[in-house]
Amino acid sequence: MVAAPFRSGGQQQYIPNPIAKQPDKATSFEHVISDVERNLTQSYDLDGIAERCAMSRRTFTRQFKAAYGCTFGDWLLNRRLALSNSC
């Protein structure tokens, strides 16, 4: 039996979605956070950091809290305080 390469009745042939491209290493979560940690004296905002990670603000906030147990602002403040105490 031979099957036709198309479906009758107007139904589209099933075509799977292509595999999504993995984020660039420069935008990975860990890379961006380590970059922030190396440059604690610079000014950072949550929207800018989330954009660098290729995430929405909400997704970044959830993932950051899951990974570090605190908000980005609290983490940044604590890292800056630790840096000032070591100087």
N, C-alpha and C. Protein backbone atom coordinates (compact mmCIF):
# COMPACT_ATOMS: atom_id res chain seq x y z
N MET A 1 0.84 -1.17 0.00
CA MET A 1 0.00 0.00 0.00
C MET A 1 0.90 1.25 0.00
N VAL A 2 0.54 2.20 -0.78
CA VAL A 2 1.30 3.44 -0.89
C VAL A 2 0.46 4.57 -0.32
N ALA A 3 1.08 5.40 0.55
CA ALA A 3 0.36 6.52 1.15
C ALA A 3 0.76 7.81 0.46
N ALA A 4 -0.18 8.70 0.32
CA ALA A 4 0.08 9.99 -0.32
C ALA A 4 0.94 10.87 0.59
N PRO A 5 1.83 11.72 0.04
CA PRO A 5 2.68 12.58 0.86
C PRO A 5 1.95 13.80 1.42
N PHE A 6 0.66 13.85 1.26
CA PHE A 6 -0.14 14.95 1.80
C PHE A 6 -1.43 14.38 2.34
N ARG A 7 -2.12 15.15 3.14
CA ARG A 7 -3.38 14.72 3.71
C ARG A 7 -4.52 15.43 3.01
N SER A 8 -5.53 14.71 2.74
CA SER A 8 -6.70 15.33 2.12
C SER A 8 -7.54 16.01 3.20
N GLY A 9 -8.40 16.90 2.79
CA GLY A 9 -9.29 17.56 3.73
C GLY A 9 -8.73 18.83 4.32
N GLY A 10 -7.62 19.33 3.80
CA GLY A 10 -7.08 20.60 4.27
C GLY A 10 -6.24 20.52 5.52
N GLN A 11 -6.06 19.32 6.08
CA GLN A 11 -5.25 19.20 7.29
C GLN A 11 -3.77 19.26 6.93
N GLN A 12 -3.00 20.05 7.65
CA GLN A 12 -1.57 20.19 7.39
C GLN A 12 -0.83 18.91 7.76
N GLN A 13 0.20 18.64 7.01
CA GLN A 13 1.06 17.52 7.34
C GLN A 13 1.84 17.87 8.60
N TYR A 14 2.01 16.93 9.49
CA TYR A 14 2.73 17.18 10.74
C TYR A 14 4.22 17.36 10.45
N ILE A 15 4.75 18.48 10.88
CA ILE A 15 6.18 18.75 10.76
C ILE A 15 6.67 19.17 12.14
N PRO A 16 7.58 18.42 12.74
CA PRO A 16 8.04 18.77 14.09
C PRO A 16 8.81 20.09 14.09
N ASN A 17 8.73 20.80 15.20
CA ASN A 17 9.49 22.05 15.34
C ASN A 17 10.97 21.75 15.38
N PRO A 18 11.79 22.62 14.80
CA PRO A 18 13.23 22.41 14.88
C PRO A 18 13.72 22.58 16.32
N ILE A 19 14.83 21.99 16.62
CA ILE A 19 15.40 22.09 17.96
C ILE A 19 15.82 23.54 18.20
N ALA A 20 15.42 24.05 19.35
CA ALA A 20 15.74 25.44 19.68
C ALA A 20 17.24 25.60 19.87
N LYS A 21 17.75 26.74 19.43
CA LYS A 21 19.17 27.03 19.58
C LYS A 21 19.49 27.27 21.05
N GLN A 22 20.55 26.68 21.50
CA GLN A 22 20.98 26.87 22.88
C GLN A 22 21.50 28.29 23.06
N PRO A 23 21.28 28.88 24.24
CA PRO A 23 21.79 30.24 24.45
C PRO A 23 23.30 30.29 24.35
N ASP A 24 23.79 31.40 23.88
CA ASP A 24 25.22 31.62 23.75
C ASP A 24 25.86 31.58 25.13
N LYS A 25 27.10 31.13 25.21
CA LYS A 25 27.82 31.08 26.49
C LYS A 25 27.89 32.46 27.14
N ALA A 26 27.95 33.51 26.34
CA ALA A 26 28.05 34.86 26.89
C ALA A 26 26.76 35.28 27.59
N THR A 27 25.65 34.64 27.31
CA THR A 27 24.39 35.00 27.94
C THR A 27 23.95 33.99 28.97
N SER A 28 24.75 32.96 29.23
CA SER A 28 24.33 31.96 30.19
C SER A 28 24.26 32.56 31.59
N PHE A 29 23.37 32.04 32.38
CA PHE A 29 23.10 32.53 33.72
C PHE A 29 24.38 32.60 34.57
N GLU A 30 25.12 31.53 34.61
CA GLU A 30 26.33 31.47 35.44
C GLU A 30 27.39 32.45 34.97
N HIS A 31 27.52 32.59 33.66
CA HIS A 31 28.52 33.50 33.12
C HIS A 31 28.20 34.95 33.48
N VAL A 32 26.95 35.32 33.35
CA VAL A 32 26.56 36.70 33.66
C VAL A 32 26.75 36.99 35.14
N ILE A 33 26.36 36.06 36.00
CA ILE A 33 26.50 36.28 37.45
C ILE A 33 27.97 36.35 37.84
N SER A 34 28.81 35.52 37.25
CA SER A 34 30.24 35.60 37.58
C SER A 34 30.84 36.90 37.07
N ASP A 35 30.34 37.41 35.94
CA ASP A 35 30.79 38.70 35.42
C ASP A 35 30.39 39.83 36.37
N VAL A 36 29.18 39.77 36.90
CA VAL A 36 28.73 40.77 37.88
C VAL A 36 29.61 40.69 39.13
N GLU A 37 29.91 39.49 39.57
CA GLU A 37 30.72 39.31 40.78
C GLU A 37 32.14 39.85 40.60
N ARG A 38 32.68 39.78 39.39
CA ARG A 38 34.01 40.32 39.13
C ARG A 38 34.01 41.84 39.06
N ASN A 39 32.85 42.44 38.79
CA ASN A 39 32.74 43.90 38.63
C ASN A 39 31.68 44.47 39.56
N LEU A 40 31.84 44.26 40.85
CA LEU A 40 30.83 44.68 41.82
C LEU A 40 30.70 46.19 41.96
N THR A 41 31.68 46.94 41.53
CA THR A 41 31.63 48.40 41.69
C THR A 41 30.74 49.07 40.65
N GLN A 42 30.36 48.35 39.61
CA GLN A 42 29.50 48.93 38.58
C GLN A 42 28.04 48.93 39.05
N SER A 43 27.23 49.74 38.38
CA SER A 43 25.81 49.82 38.68
C SER A 43 25.06 48.76 37.87
N TYR A 44 24.15 48.03 38.51
CA TYR A 44 23.38 46.99 37.84
C TYR A 44 21.90 47.17 38.12
N ASP A 45 21.09 46.87 37.12
CA ASP A 45 19.65 46.85 37.34
C ASP A 45 19.12 45.48 36.94
N LEU A 46 18.05 45.08 37.57
CA LEU A 46 17.51 43.74 37.38
C LEU A 46 17.10 43.48 35.93
N ASP A 47 16.49 44.46 35.28
CA ASP A 47 16.07 44.27 33.89
C ASP A 47 17.27 44.06 32.97
N GLY A 48 18.33 44.81 33.19
CA GLY A 48 19.53 44.67 32.36
C GLY A 48 20.20 43.32 32.53
N ILE A 49 20.29 42.86 33.76
CA ILE A 49 20.90 41.55 34.03
C ILE A 49 20.04 40.44 33.44
N ALA A 50 18.73 40.54 33.60
CA ALA A 50 17.84 39.53 33.03
C ALA A 50 17.96 39.48 31.52
N GLU A 51 18.07 40.64 30.90
CA GLU A 51 18.22 40.70 29.43
C GLU A 51 19.53 40.06 29.00
N ARG A 52 20.60 40.31 29.74
CA ARG A 52 21.89 39.69 29.41
C ARG A 52 21.83 38.17 29.52
N CYS A 53 20.98 37.67 30.41
CA CYS A 53 20.80 36.22 30.57
C CYS A 53 19.79 35.65 29.57
N ALA A 54 19.24 36.51 28.72
CA ALA A 54 18.22 36.12 27.73
C ALA A 54 16.99 35.54 28.42
N MET A 55 16.57 36.22 29.50
CA MET A 55 15.40 35.81 30.27
C MET A 55 14.52 37.01 30.53
N SER A 56 13.27 36.73 30.87
CA SER A 56 12.42 37.81 31.34
C SER A 56 12.80 38.11 32.79
N ARG A 57 12.38 39.26 33.26
CA ARG A 57 12.69 39.65 34.64
C ARG A 57 12.14 38.62 35.63
N ARG A 58 10.93 38.18 35.38
CA ARG A 58 10.29 37.23 36.28
C ARG A 58 11.02 35.89 36.30
N THR A 59 11.39 35.37 35.12
CA THR A 59 12.11 34.11 35.04
C THR A 59 13.47 34.22 35.71
N PHE A 60 14.17 35.31 35.45
CA PHE A 60 15.48 35.51 36.08
C PHE A 60 15.34 35.54 37.59
N THR A 61 14.36 36.27 38.10
CA THR A 61 14.16 36.37 39.54
C THR A 61 13.90 34.99 40.16
N ARG A 62 13.05 34.19 39.50
CA ARG A 62 12.77 32.84 40.01
C ARG A 62 14.01 31.97 40.00
N GLN A 63 14.74 31.98 38.89
CA GLN A 63 15.93 31.13 38.79
C GLN A 63 17.03 31.58 39.74
N PHE A 64 17.17 32.89 39.90
CA PHE A 64 18.20 33.39 40.80
C PHE A 64 17.89 32.99 42.23
N LYS A 65 16.64 33.15 42.63
CA LYS A 65 16.25 32.80 44.00
C LYS A 65 16.41 31.30 44.24
N ALA A 66 16.10 30.49 43.24
CA ALA A 66 16.27 29.04 43.37
C ALA A 66 17.75 28.67 43.50
N ALA A 67 18.61 29.37 42.78
CA ALA A 67 20.04 29.05 42.78
C ALA A 67 20.77 29.60 44.00
N TYR A 68 20.41 30.82 44.44
CA TYR A 68 21.17 31.49 45.49
C TYR A 68 20.40 31.67 46.79
N GLY A 69 19.11 31.42 46.80
CA GLY A 69 18.33 31.49 48.02
C GLY A 69 17.96 32.90 48.47
N CYS A 70 18.21 33.89 47.62
CA CYS A 70 17.86 35.27 47.94
C CYS A 70 17.61 36.03 46.64
N THR A 71 17.19 37.27 46.77
CA THR A 71 16.96 38.07 45.57
C THR A 71 18.30 38.56 45.02
N PHE A 72 18.28 39.02 43.78
CA PHE A 72 19.49 39.54 43.16
C PHE A 72 19.99 40.77 43.93
N GLY A 73 19.08 41.64 44.33
CA GLY A 73 19.46 42.84 45.08
C GLY A 73 20.12 42.51 46.41
N ASP A 74 19.57 41.55 47.14
CA ASP A 74 20.17 41.14 48.42
C ASP A 74 21.54 40.51 48.19
N TRP A 75 21.64 39.67 47.17
CA TRP A 75 22.92 39.03 46.87
C TRP A 75 23.97 40.07 46.51
N LEU A 76 23.59 41.03 45.67
CA LEU A 76 24.52 42.07 45.23
C LEU A 76 24.98 42.91 46.43
N LEU A 77 24.05 43.27 47.29
CA LEU A 77 24.40 44.03 48.50
C LEU A 77 25.36 43.25 49.38
N ASN A 78 25.09 41.98 49.60
CA ASN A 78 25.96 41.15 50.43
C ASN A 78 27.35 40.98 49.82
N ARG A 79 27.42 40.82 48.51
CA ARG A 79 28.72 40.69 47.84
C ARG A 79 29.51 41.99 47.95
N ARG A 80 28.83 43.14 47.81
CA ARG A 80 29.51 44.43 47.93
C ARG A 80 29.97 44.68 49.36
N LEU A 81 29.17 44.28 50.35
CA LEU A 81 29.59 44.42 51.74
C LEU A 81 30.80 43.55 52.04
N ALA A 82 30.79 42.34 51.52
CA ALA A 82 31.94 41.44 51.71
C ALA A 82 33.20 42.03 51.07
N LEU A 83 33.04 42.64 49.90
CA LEU A 83 34.17 43.26 49.23
C LEU A 83 34.70 44.45 50.04
N SER A 84 33.81 45.25 50.59
CA SER A 84 34.26 46.42 51.37
C SER A 84 34.93 46.00 52.66
N ASN A 85 34.51 44.90 53.25
CA ASN A 85 35.15 44.42 54.49
C ASN A 85 36.53 43.83 54.23
N SER A 86 36.75 43.33 53.04
CA SER A 86 38.05 42.71 52.74
C SER A 86 39.09 43.74 52.32
N CYS A 87 38.67 44.96 52.02
CA CYS A 87 39.62 45.98 51.57
C CYS A 87 40.29 46.68 52.71
